Amino acid sequence: MTPQLEAAIAAIQPLSPTERLQLLQILTQSDLGANPQPDIKVLSAQFWQGISLQQLRDTQSPTTVHSLKDLAADFWPVEDSIEDFLAFLRKQRQEVS
């Protein structure tokens, strides 16, 4: 086994089973080579093939929110009051109607 192949195998170890399968599909498709256009039937089948919730979780790595304070953001400008914003919003909606 070549050092490059050993490095590639080591690099995919952290991947989830779903990610490994996706990588295998990509490599297999790239080996077919001559046809650069993706096969619509294959892509359609892959799209409609359901995956389990566990597989989805493994690919997305969601985080758990323990407190709403974790979601709070301090982006509202101090000089703008919420009342001014709501008045502006009402005015804009009246102009559209």
PDB file of N, CA and C in Angstrom:
ATOM      1  N   MET A   1       0.861  -1.175   0.000  1.00  0.00           N
ATOM      2  CA  MET A   1       0.000   0.000   0.000  1.00  0.00           C
ATOM      3  C   MET A   1       0.903   1.233   0.000  1.00  0.00           C
ATOM      4  N   THR A   2       0.559   2.179  -0.841  1.00  0.00           N
ATOM      5  CA  THR A   2       1.379   3.381  -0.963  1.00  0.00           C
ATOM      6  C   THR A   2       1.122   4.326   0.206  1.00  0.00           C
ATOM      7  N   PRO A   3       2.094   5.191   0.517  1.00  0.00           N
ATOM      8  CA  PRO A   3       1.886   6.180   1.579  1.00  0.00           C
ATOM      9  C   PRO A   3       0.697   7.103   1.295  1.00  0.00           C
ATOM     10  N   GLN A   4       0.476   7.428   0.030  1.00  0.00           N
ATOM     11  CA  GLN A   4      -0.660   8.285  -0.315  1.00  0.00           C
ATOM     12  C   GLN A   4      -1.981   7.595   0.003  1.00  0.00           C
ATOM     13  N   LEU A   5      -2.066   6.308  -0.301  1.00  0.00           N
ATOM     14  CA  LEU A   5      -3.286   5.560  -0.017  1.00  0.00           C
ATOM     15  C   LEU A   5      -3.493   5.428   1.486  1.00  0.00           C
ATOM     16  N   GLU A   6      -2.419   5.194   2.228  1.00  0.00           N
ATOM     17  CA  GLU A   6      -2.525   5.118   3.691  1.00  0.00           C
ATOM     18  C   GLU A   6      -3.002   6.448   4.269  1.00  0.00           C
ATOM     19  N   ALA A   7      -2.484   7.553   3.734  1.00  0.00           N
ATOM     20  CA  ALA A   7      -2.902   8.874   4.207  1.00  0.00           C
ATOM     21  C   ALA A   7      -4.372   9.128   3.877  1.00  0.00           C
ATOM     22  N   ALA A   8      -4.799   8.693   2.695  1.00  0.00           N
ATOM     23  CA  ALA A   8      -6.204   8.872   2.311  1.00  0.00           C
ATOM     24  C   ALA A   8      -7.120   8.065   3.224  1.00  0.00           C
ATOM     25  N   ILE A   9      -6.737   6.843   3.533  1.00  0.00           N
ATOM     26  CA  ILE A   9      -7.543   6.002   4.426  1.00  0.00           C
ATOM     27  C   ILE A   9      -7.607   6.622   5.815  1.00  0.00           C
ATOM     28  N   ALA A  10      -6.489   7.136   6.292  1.00  0.00           N
ATOM     29  CA  ALA A  10      -6.476   7.785   7.607  1.00  0.00           C
ATOM     30  C   ALA A  10      -7.358   9.034   7.603  1.00  0.00           C
ATOM     31  N   ALA A  11      -7.392   9.731   6.487  1.00  0.00           N
ATOM     32  CA  ALA A  11      -8.172  10.966   6.407  1.00  0.00           C
ATOM     33  C   ALA A  11      -9.676  10.709   6.442  1.00  0.00           C
ATOM     34  N   ILE A  12     -10.116   9.544   5.971  1.00  0.00           N
ATOM     35  CA  ILE A  12     -11.562   9.282   5.957  1.00  0.00           C
ATOM     36  C   ILE A  12     -12.053   8.600   7.224  1.00  0.00           C
ATOM     37  N   GLN A  13     -11.170   8.250   8.119  1.00  0.00           N
ATOM     38  CA  GLN A  13     -11.590   7.574   9.350  1.00  0.00           C
ATOM     39  C   GLN A  13     -12.610   8.375  10.160  1.00  0.00           C
ATOM     40  N   PRO A  14     -12.473   9.704  10.288  1.00  0.00           N
ATOM     41  CA  PRO A  14     -13.460  10.455  11.080  1.00  0.00           C
ATOM     42  C   PRO A  14     -14.834  10.598  10.413  1.00  0.00           C
ATOM     43  N   LEU A  15     -14.946  10.243   9.135  1.00  0.00           N
ATOM     44  CA  LEU A  15     -16.214  10.411   8.432  1.00  0.00           C
ATOM     45  C   LEU A  15     -17.267   9.439   8.943  1.00  0.00           C
ATOM     46  N   SER A  16     -18.511   9.880   8.887  1.00  0.00           N
ATOM     47  CA  SER A  16     -19.632   9.008   9.258  1.00  0.00           C
ATOM     48  C   SER A  16     -19.834   7.979   8.146  1.00  0.00           C
ATOM     49  N   PRO A  17     -20.552   6.905   8.433  1.00  0.00           N
ATOM     50  CA  PRO A  17     -20.829   5.918   7.379  1.00  0.00           C
ATOM     51  C   PRO A  17     -21.518   6.537   6.158  1.00  0.00           C
ATOM     52  N   THR A  18     -22.410   7.471   6.389  1.00  0.00           N
ATOM     53  CA  THR A  18     -23.100   8.123   5.274  1.00  0.00           C
ATOM     54  C   THR A  18     -22.119   8.925   4.430  1.00  0.00           C
ATOM     55  N   GLU A  19     -21.224   9.645   5.090  1.00  0.00           N
ATOM     56  CA  GLU A  19     -20.233  10.436   4.356  1.00  0.00           C
ATOM     57  C   GLU A  19     -19.284   9.527   3.576  1.00  0.00           C
ATOM     58  N   ARG A  20     -18.930   8.391   4.159  1.00  0.00           N
ATOM     59  CA  ARG A  20     -18.066   7.438   3.446  1.00  0.00           C
ATOM     60  C   ARG A  20     -18.763   6.908   2.201  1.00  0.00           C
ATOM     61  N   LEU A  21     -20.054   6.616   2.327  1.00  0.00           N
ATOM     62  CA  LEU A  21     -20.821   6.133   1.186  1.00  0.00           C
ATOM     63  C   LEU A  21     -20.892   7.203   0.098  1.00  0.00           C
ATOM     64  N   GLN A  22     -21.102   8.444   0.503  1.00  0.00           N
ATOM     65  CA  GLN A  22     -21.137   9.540  -0.467  1.00  0.00           C
ATOM     66  C   GLN A  22     -19.791   9.677  -1.172  1.00  0.00           C
ATOM     67  N   LEU A  23     -18.708   9.557  -0.423  1.00  0.00           N
ATOM     68  CA  LEU A  23     -17.373   9.637  -1.008  1.00  0.00           C
ATOM     69  C   LEU A  23     -17.157   8.502  -2.002  1.00  0.00           C
ATOM     70  N   LEU A  24     -17.580   7.311  -1.632  1.00  0.00           N
ATOM     71  CA  LEU A  24     -17.448   6.160  -2.519  1.00  0.00           C
ATOM     72  C   LEU A  24     -18.236   6.377  -3.809  1.00  0.00           C
ATOM     73  N   GLN A  25     -19.442   6.925  -3.690  1.00  0.00           N
ATOM     74  CA  GLN A  25     -20.250   7.200  -4.882  1.00  0.00           C
ATOM     75  C   GLN A  25     -19.572   8.235  -5.771  1.00  0.00           C
ATOM     76  N   ILE A  26     -18.999   9.252  -5.158  1.00  0.00           N
ATOM     77  CA  ILE A  26     -18.301  10.287  -5.934  1.00  0.00           C
ATOM     78  C   ILE A  26     -17.100   9.691  -6.656  1.00  0.00           C
ATOM     79  N   LEU A  27     -16.320   8.882  -5.949  1.00  0.00           N
ATOM     80  CA  LEU A  27     -15.146   8.268  -6.563  1.00  0.00           C
ATOM     81  C   LEU A  27     -15.543   7.311  -7.673  1.00  0.00           C
ATOM     82  N   THR A  28     -16.599   6.565  -7.459  1.00  0.00           N
ATOM     83  CA  THR A  28     -17.069   5.628  -8.475  1.00  0.00           C
ATOM     84  C   THR A  28     -17.534   6.379  -9.712  1.00  0.00           C
ATOM     85  N   GLN A  29     -18.258   7.463  -9.511  1.00  0.00           N
ATOM     86  CA  GLN A  29     -18.737   8.244 -10.648  1.00  0.00           C
ATOM     87  C   GLN A  29     -17.584   8.913 -11.385  1.00  0.00           C
ATOM     88  N   SER A  30     -16.571   9.366 -10.645  1.00  0.00           N
ATOM     89  CA  SER A  30     -15.445  10.026 -11.310  1.00  0.00           C
ATOM     90  C   SER A  30     -14.609   9.021 -12.091  1.00  0.00           C
ATOM     91  N   ASP A  31     -14.619   7.741 -11.680  1.00  0.00           N
ATOM     92  CA  ASP A  31     -13.896   6.712 -12.420  1.00  0.00           C
ATOM     93  C   ASP A  31     -14.583   6.387 -13.740  1.00  0.00           C
ATOM     94  N   LEU A  32     -15.885   6.596 -13.808  1.00  0.00           N
ATOM     95  CA  LEU A  32     -16.596   6.336 -15.049  1.00  0.00           C
ATOM     96  C   LEU A  32     -16.172   7.337 -16.108  1.00  0.00           C
ATOM     97  N   GLY A  33     -15.735   8.495 -15.654  1.00  0.00           N
ATOM     98  CA  GLY A  33     -15.020   9.500 -16.397  1.00  0.00           C
ATOM     99  C   GLY A  33     -15.530  10.007 -17.721  1.00  0.00           C
ATOM    100  N   ALA A  34     -15.721   9.200 -18.701  1.00  0.00           N
ATOM    101  CA  ALA A  34     -15.988   9.672 -20.054  1.00  0.00           C
ATOM    102  C   ALA A  34     -17.214  10.573 -20.138  1.00  0.00           C
ATOM    103  N   ASN A  35     -18.219  10.333 -19.318  1.00  0.00           N
ATOM    104  CA  ASN A  35     -19.439  11.132 -19.371  1.00  0.00           C
ATOM    105  C   ASN A  35     -19.424  12.146 -18.233  1.00  0.00           C
ATOM    106  N   PRO A  36     -19.050  13.419 -18.521  1.00  0.00           N
ATOM    107  CA  PRO A  36     -18.980  14.413 -17.449  1.00  0.00           C
ATOM    108  C   PRO A  36     -20.356  14.835 -16.932  1.00  0.00           C
ATOM    109  N   GLN A  37     -21.429  14.584 -17.701  1.00  0.00           N
ATOM    110  CA  GLN A  37     -22.775  14.948 -17.275  1.00  0.00           C
ATOM    111  C   GLN A  37     -23.282  13.936 -16.256  1.00  0.00           C
ATOM    112  N   PRO A  38     -23.843  14.412 -15.140  1.00  0.00           N
ATOM    113  CA  PRO A  38     -24.380  13.476 -14.155  1.00  0.00           C
ATOM    114  C   PRO A  38     -25.600  12.751 -14.722  1.00  0.00           C
ATOM    115  N   ASP A  39     -25.742  11.501 -14.349  1.00  0.00           N
ATOM    116  CA  ASP A  39     -26.875  10.699 -14.788  1.00  0.00           C
ATOM    117  C   ASP A  39     -28.106  11.117 -13.990  1.00  0.00           C
ATOM    118  N   ILE A  40     -29.086  11.679 -14.666  1.00  0.00           N
ATOM    119  CA  ILE A  40     -30.283  12.200 -14.006  1.00  0.00           C
ATOM    120  C   ILE A  40     -31.013  11.102 -13.252  1.00  0.00           C
ATOM    121  N   LYS A  41     -31.070   9.922 -13.816  1.00  0.00           N
ATOM    122  CA  LYS A  41     -31.781   8.827 -13.146  1.00  0.00           C
ATOM    123  C   LYS A  41     -31.097   8.458 -11.834  1.00  0.00           C
ATOM    124  N   VAL A  42     -29.773   8.430 -11.839  1.00  0.00           N
ATOM    125  CA  VAL A  42     -29.028   8.103 -10.617  1.00  0.00           C
ATOM    126  C   VAL A  42     -29.225   9.201  -9.578  1.00  0.00           C
ATOM    127  N   LEU A  43     -29.105  10.457 -10.009  1.00  0.00           N
ATOM    128  CA  LEU A  43     -29.287  11.567  -9.078  1.00  0.00           C
ATOM    129  C   LEU A  43     -30.703  11.600  -8.519  1.00  0.00           C
ATOM    130  N   SER A  44     -31.686  11.312  -9.352  1.00  0.00           N
ATOM    131  CA  SER A  44     -33.069  11.289  -8.892  1.00  0.00           C
ATOM    132  C   SER A  44     -33.269  10.188  -7.858  1.00  0.00           C
ATOM    133  N   ALA A  45     -32.718   9.021  -8.122  1.00  0.00           N
ATOM    134  CA  ALA A  45     -32.845   7.909  -7.175  1.00  0.00           C
ATOM    135  C   ALA A  45     -32.167   8.257  -5.852  1.00  0.00           C
ATOM    136  N   GLN A  46     -31.000   8.887  -5.919  1.00  0.00           N
ATOM    137  CA  GLN A  46     -30.302   9.276  -4.695  1.00  0.00           C
ATOM    138  C   GLN A  46     -31.109  10.309  -3.918  1.00  0.00           C
ATOM    139  N   PHE A  47     -31.729  11.243  -4.633  1.00  0.00           N
ATOM    140  CA  PHE A  47     -32.507  12.286  -3.974  1.00  0.00           C
ATOM    141  C   PHE A  47     -33.703  11.696  -3.236  1.00  0.00           C
ATOM    142  N   TRP A  48     -34.420  10.794  -3.878  1.00  0.00           N
ATOM    143  CA  TRP A  48     -35.644  10.255  -3.291  1.00  0.00           C
ATOM    144  C   TRP A  48     -35.379   9.118  -2.317  1.00  0.00           C
ATOM    145  N   GLN A  49     -34.150   8.635  -2.259  1.00  0.00           N
ATOM    146  CA  GLN A  49     -33.822   7.572  -1.308  1.00  0.00           C
ATOM    147  C   GLN A  49     -33.769   8.195   0.081  1.00  0.00           C
ATOM    148  N   GLY A  50     -34.609   7.713   0.945  1.00  0.00           N
ATOM    149  CA  GLY A  50     -34.649   8.262   2.293  1.00  0.00           C
ATOM    150  C   GLY A  50     -33.460   7.814   3.125  1.00  0.00           C
ATOM    151  N   ILE A  51     -33.091   8.657   4.068  1.00  0.00           N
ATOM    152  CA  ILE A  51     -32.064   8.259   5.026  1.00  0.00           C
ATOM    153  C   ILE A  51     -32.679   8.333   6.416  1.00  0.00           C
ATOM    154  N   SER A  52     -32.094   7.601   7.308  1.00  0.00           N
ATOM    155  CA  SER A  52     -32.638   7.574   8.662  1.00  0.00           C
ATOM    156  C   SER A  52     -32.309   8.882   9.383  1.00  0.00           C
ATOM    157  N   LEU A  53     -33.043   9.129  10.436  1.00  0.00           N
ATOM    158  CA  LEU A  53     -32.803  10.322  11.240  1.00  0.00           C
ATOM    159  C   LEU A  53     -31.385  10.294  11.816  1.00  0.00           C
ATOM    160  N   GLN A  54     -30.921   9.122  12.200  1.00  0.00           N
ATOM    161  CA  GLN A  54     -29.559   8.970  12.730  1.00  0.00           C
ATOM    162  C   GLN A  54     -28.525   9.367  11.668  1.00  0.00           C
ATOM    163  N   GLN A  55     -28.725   8.914  10.424  1.00  0.00           N
ATOM    164  CA  GLN A  55     -27.793   9.265   9.355  1.00  0.00           C
ATOM    165  C   GLN A  55     -27.812  10.773   9.090  1.00  0.00           C
ATOM    166  N   LEU A  56     -28.995  11.356   9.115  1.00  0.00           N
ATOM    167  CA  LEU A  56     -29.106  12.799   8.922  1.00  0.00           C
ATOM    168  C   LEU A  56     -28.383  13.546  10.030  1.00  0.00           C
ATOM    169  N   ARG A  57     -28.564  13.098  11.260  1.00  0.00           N
ATOM    170  CA  ARG A  57     -27.900  13.731  12.399  1.00  0.00           C
ATOM    171  C   ARG A  57     -26.387  13.610  12.267  1.00  0.00           C
ATOM    172  N   ASP A  58     -25.910  12.450  11.827  1.00  0.00           N
ATOM    173  CA  ASP A  58     -24.470  12.240  11.677  1.00  0.00           C
ATOM    174  C   ASP A  58     -23.867  13.173  10.629  1.00  0.00           C
ATOM    175  N   THR A  59     -24.608  13.453   9.569  1.00  0.00           N
ATOM    176  CA  THR A  59     -24.059  14.306   8.511  1.00  0.00           C
ATOM    177  C   THR A  59     -24.140  15.783   8.859  1.00  0.00           C
ATOM    178  N   GLN A  60     -25.091  16.181   9.713  1.00  0.00           N
ATOM    179  CA  GLN A  60     -25.264  17.596  10.009  1.00  0.00           C
ATOM    180  C   GLN A  60     -24.630  18.037  11.317  1.00  0.00           C
ATOM    181  N   SER A  61     -24.329  17.143  12.201  1.00  0.00           N
ATOM    182  CA  SER A  61     -23.715  17.456  13.495  1.00  0.00           C
ATOM    183  C   SER A  61     -24.427  18.598  14.218  1.00  0.00           C
ATOM    184  N   PRO A  62     -25.711  18.438  14.516  1.00  0.00           N
ATOM    185  CA  PRO A  62     -26.431  19.519  15.201  1.00  0.00           C
ATOM    186  C   PRO A  62     -25.959  19.686  16.640  1.00  0.00           C
ATOM    187  N   THR A  63     -26.130  20.882  17.159  1.00  0.00           N
ATOM    188  CA  THR A  63     -25.789  21.141  18.553  1.00  0.00           C
ATOM    189  C   THR A  63     -27.074  21.267  19.359  1.00  0.00           C
ATOM    190  N   THR A  64     -26.973  21.003  20.630  1.00  0.00           N
ATOM    191  CA  THR A  64     -28.120  21.099  21.519  1.00  0.00           C
ATOM    192  C   THR A  64     -28.107  22.457  22.201  1.00  0.00           C
ATOM    193  N   VAL A  65     -29.253  23.115  22.203  1.00  0.00           N
ATOM    194  CA  VAL A  65     -29.383  24.407  22.874  1.00  0.00           C
ATOM    195  C   VAL A  65     -29.882  24.137  24.282  1.00  0.00           C
ATOM    196  N   HIS A  66     -29.096  24.532  25.274  1.00  0.00           N
ATOM    197  CA  HIS A  66     -29.459  24.296  26.671  1.00  0.00           C
ATOM    198  C   HIS A  66     -30.154  25.502  27.289  1.00  0.00           C
ATOM    199  N   SER A  67     -29.972  26.655  26.683  1.00  0.00           N
ATOM    200  CA  SER A  67     -30.568  27.868  27.223  1.00  0.00           C
ATOM    201  C   SER A  67     -30.889  28.814  26.073  1.00  0.00           C
ATOM    202  N   LEU A  68     -32.006  29.520  26.192  1.00  0.00           N
ATOM    203  CA  LEU A  68     -32.347  30.499  25.163  1.00  0.00           C
ATOM    204  C   LEU A  68     -31.320  31.627  25.094  1.00  0.00           C
ATOM    205  N   LYS A  69     -30.612  31.849  26.178  1.00  0.00           N
ATOM    206  CA  LYS A  69     -29.568  32.878  26.183  1.00  0.00           C
ATOM    207  C   LYS A  69     -28.464  32.538  25.179  1.00  0.00           C
ATOM    208  N   ASP A  70     -28.287  31.230  24.896  1.00  0.00           N
ATOM    209  CA  ASP A  70     -27.288  30.821  23.910  1.00  0.00           C
ATOM    210  C   ASP A  70     -27.643  31.321  22.511  1.00  0.00           C
ATOM    211  N   LEU A  71     -28.931  31.553  22.266  1.00  0.00           N
ATOM    212  CA  LEU A  71     -29.383  32.012  20.954  1.00  0.00           C
ATOM    213  C   LEU A  71     -29.479  33.532  20.849  1.00  0.00           C
ATOM    214  N   ALA A  72     -29.344  34.213  21.965  1.00  0.00           N
ATOM    215  CA  ALA A  72     -29.481  35.670  21.977  1.00  0.00           C
ATOM    216  C   ALA A  72     -28.332  36.316  21.212  1.00  0.00           C
ATOM    217  N   ALA A  73     -28.669  37.384  20.518  1.00  0.00           N
ATOM    218  CA  ALA A  73     -27.654  38.128  19.777  1.00  0.00           C
ATOM    219  C   ALA A  73     -27.795  39.603  20.119  1.00  0.00           C
ATOM    220  N   ASP A  74     -26.679  40.291  20.125  1.00  0.00           N
ATOM    221  CA  ASP A  74     -26.682  41.710  20.456  1.00  0.00           C
ATOM    222  C   ASP A  74     -26.413  42.499  19.177  1.00  0.00           C
ATOM    223  N   PHE A  75     -27.416  42.529  18.294  1.00  0.00           N
ATOM    224  CA  PHE A  75     -27.216  43.202  17.025  1.00  0.00           C
ATOM    225  C   PHE A  75     -28.146  44.393  16.821  1.00  0.00           C
ATOM    226  N   TRP A  76     -29.088  44.629  17.755  1.00  0.00           N
ATOM    227  CA  TRP A  76     -30.020  45.744  17.590  1.00  0.00           C
ATOM    228  C   TRP A  76     -29.305  47.044  17.936  1.00  0.00           C
ATOM    229  N   PRO A  77     -29.297  48.015  17.025  1.00  0.00           N
ATOM    230  CA  PRO A  77     -28.609  49.279  17.300  1.00  0.00           C
ATOM    231  C   PRO A  77     -29.232  50.004  18.493  1.00  0.00           C
ATOM    232  N   VAL A  78     -28.403  50.518  19.361  1.00  0.00           N
ATOM    233  CA  VAL A  78     -28.864  51.192  20.571  1.00  0.00           C
ATOM    234  C   VAL A  78     -29.683  52.431  20.225  1.00  0.00           C
ATOM    235  N   GLU A  79     -29.292  53.136  19.169  1.00  0.00           N
ATOM    236  CA  GLU A  79     -29.972  54.389  18.832  1.00  0.00           C
ATOM    237  C   GLU A  79     -31.357  54.172  18.214  1.00  0.00           C
ATOM    238  N   ASP A  80     -31.698  52.953  17.809  1.00  0.00           N
ATOM    239  CA  ASP A  80     -33.014  52.658  17.230  1.00  0.00           C
ATOM    240  C   ASP A  80     -33.886  51.939  18.250  1.00  0.00           C
ATOM    241  N   SER A  81     -35.028  52.531  18.535  1.00  0.00           N
ATOM    242  CA  SER A  81     -35.940  51.879  19.484  1.00  0.00           C
ATOM    243  C   SER A  81     -36.842  50.912  18.729  1.00  0.00           C
ATOM    244  N   ILE A  82     -37.357  49.937  19.430  1.00  0.00           N
ATOM    245  CA  ILE A  82     -38.277  48.986  18.819  1.00  0.00           C
ATOM    246  C   ILE A  82     -39.546  49.690  18.355  1.00  0.00           C
ATOM    247  N   GLU A  83     -39.956  50.726  19.086  1.00  0.00           N
ATOM    248  CA  GLU A  83     -41.150  51.474  18.692  1.00  0.00           C
ATOM    249  C   GLU A  83     -40.952  52.155  17.336  1.00  0.00           C
ATOM    250  N   ASP A  84     -39.764  52.732  17.125  1.00  0.00           N
ATOM    251  CA  ASP A  84     -39.472  53.358  15.833  1.00  0.00           C
ATOM    252  C   ASP A  84     -39.504  52.327  14.706  1.00  0.00           C
ATOM    253  N   PHE A  85     -38.953  51.169  14.979  1.00  0.00           N
ATOM    254  CA  PHE A  85     -38.943  50.108  13.975  1.00  0.00           C
ATOM    255  C   PHE A  85     -40.361  49.658  13.640  1.00  0.00           C
ATOM    256  N   LEU A  86     -41.192  49.450  14.656  1.00  0.00           N
ATOM    257  CA  LEU A  86     -42.568  49.014  14.425  1.00  0.00           C
ATOM    258  C   LEU A  86     -43.367  50.068  13.668  1.00  0.00           C
ATOM    259  N   ALA A  87     -43.139  51.343  13.972  1.00  0.00           N
ATOM    260  CA  ALA A  87     -43.813  52.422  13.242  1.00  0.00           C
ATOM    261  C   ALA A  87     -43.389  52.410  11.773  1.00  0.00           C
ATOM    262  N   PHE A  88     -42.098  52.238  11.531  1.00  0.00           N
ATOM    263  CA  PHE A  88     -41.590  52.148  10.162  1.00  0.00           C
ATOM    264  C   PHE A  88     -42.216  50.960   9.433  1.00  0.00           C
ATOM    265  N   LEU A  89     -42.284  49.828  10.106  1.00  0.00           N
ATOM    266  CA  LEU A  89     -42.843  48.621   9.510  1.00  0.00           C
ATOM    267  C   LEU A  89     -44.316  48.814   9.141  1.00  0.00           C
ATOM    268  N   ARG A  90     -45.084  49.409  10.050  1.00  0.00           N
ATOM    269  CA  ARG A  90     -46.502  49.678   9.764  1.00  0.00           C
ATOM    270  C   ARG A  90     -46.649  50.599   8.545  1.00  0.00           C
ATOM    271  N   LYS A  91     -45.810  51.623   8.486  1.00  0.00           N
ATOM    272  CA  LYS A  91     -45.866  52.566   7.373  1.00  0.00           C
ATOM    273  C   LYS A  91     -45.554  51.856   6.056  1.00  0.00           C
ATOM    274  N   GLN A  92     -44.542  51.011   6.056  1.00  0.00           N
ATOM    275  CA  GLN A  92     -44.173  50.274   4.846  1.00  0.00           C
ATOM    276  C   GLN A  92     -45.299  49.355   4.390  1.00  0.00           C
ATOM    277  N   ARG A  93     -45.933  48.708   5.330  1.00  0.00           N
ATOM    278  CA  ARG A  93     -47.031  47.793   4.990  1.00  0.00           C
ATOM    279  C   ARG A  93     -48.233  48.551   4.437  1.00  0.00           C
ATOM    280  N   GLN A  94     -48.486  49.751   4.944  1.00  0.00           N
ATOM    281  CA  GLN A  94     -49.604  50.554   4.440  1.00  0.00           C
ATOM    282  C   GLN A  94     -49.329  51.027   3.018  1.00  0.00           C
ATOM    283  N   GLU A  95     -48.067  51.327   2.723  1.00  0.00           N
ATOM    284  CA  GLU A  95     -47.712  51.795   1.383  1.00  0.00           C
ATOM    285  C   GLU A  95     -47.865  50.683   0.355  1.00  0.00           C
ATOM    286  N   VAL A  96     -47.625  49.461   0.764  1.00  0.00           N
ATOM    287  CA  VAL A  96     -47.736  48.324  -0.143  1.00  0.00           C
ATOM    288  C   VAL A  96     -49.192  47.993  -0.414  1.00  0.00           C
ATOM    289  N   SER A  97     -50.039  48.154   0.584  1.00  0.00           N
ATOM    290  CA  SER A  97     -51.459  47.781   0.440  1.00  0.00           C
ATOM    291  C   SER A  97     -52.211  48.667  -0.500  1.00  0.00           C
TER     292      SER A  97
END
